[in-house]
Amino acid sequence: MTLAVRVPEELSARVPVEQRGPGLERDAVRMLVSRGAEVAHHTFRELPLLLRAGDLLVVNTSATLAAAVDGWTGHARVVVHFSTRGDDGRWAVELREPDGRGTTRARAGGPAGREVRLPGGVRLVLEEPLSGRGERLWWARVSGAGVPGLLRDYGRAIRYAYTERDQPLSVYQTVFALPSADGTGSAEMPSAARPFTARLVAELVSRGVLFAPVTLHTGVASAEAHEPPYPERFAVPEASARLIEAARAGGGRVVAVGTTAVRAVESAVGADGAVRAGAGWTDLVVTPERGVRVVDGLLTGLHEPEASHLLMLEAVAGRVAVERGYEAALQGRYLWHEFGDVHLVLPSARP
């Protein structure tokens, strides 16, 4: 869906909430709560009051990579955004142009055979477009060093022009993030979980709310393009699948923390509607036509009016809830993007 609204530039969150004033922590962001067409305004710290014992939060444990690296192609400077590692050792990458303000703008990626020189004597060669939907992302082969080491030594977090400045990588890690053994992770932060703090998680657990960890490594999602998501690597562990099924059987609500968690869980649903352990690649796009089979609610950020994520939000909440929620967010001057406020969608109250 595309919303007929415009998000003013001043509603972009330029810095994390904890940098906006003394004494603020991550959980100080605002939270819009939608139940059908009903809308309420809260702070994220009130989340434990909105959930009940037996509810289950599905959280993404993927760590954010320092996925932006400076390079040169010919005499031109470029910035390489490393997106996704393929099974054959190649990486899906996006080449971008520095914009003179510390951020970047989109550029064409090809042609095949283009070489990019990276720090430490590393060479990157573009081989083929990632898909037939365009040439923004390319499969590339890297020689001279491993990509995890390159990102560790020379990388920084991907950021876009609506943010004020570069931030330490720790700012982009959620409380649930776990580094993977092979050095893979998310090119951009699974940001719906960013407001959680250890203290808030402890309070939720003490109130009987359950957590089911899953993993989905997100690729790049630049602000200039709103294509449907590319195939991404996911894993739903056996213990998490059992927790989800137990919560459903006991009448608890399954609330996904972020669109990535929805994509992972819904990719692990069998023909009988049950969630089972699974891992691999998912190209699932959740739309209103496809619907959701497991997820009852969703905690997510506020997305651009043309973003493909809104189709998933409509599948979970319905079009009226999405339209009403976004109208309220604009009227209430909520903040957008990864450092912004959040939107909690819960099922309509039943009699």
Foldseek 3Di string as FASTA:
>chain_A
DFDPDAFDLVQADQDFPPVPDPPDDLQQFKEWEFAFLDIDIGTSLCVLVVFAALAEEEEAQFAAFLQWFWWDFPNAIWIKGFFAQDPVRWTKIFIFHDPVQQATDHDFDDDFQGWIAGPPRKIKGFHAAPDPPGRRITTIHIDDDRPLVSRVVGGFQHDHDSYDHGDHSVLQGAPSYDQDPVNAGASGHLQLRRSDDPVSVVVNVVRNYHYFYKHWHGGDDDPVDQDFGAKTKIWGDQVSLVSLVVSVVVVHAYEYRHPRSQQRQQVQADPVLGGGTDTDIDPDQAALVNAGRRHQKYKYFDDHSPHSVVRNVCSNRNDSRVNSSVVVCSVVSWHGDSSTHMYIYHHHDDD
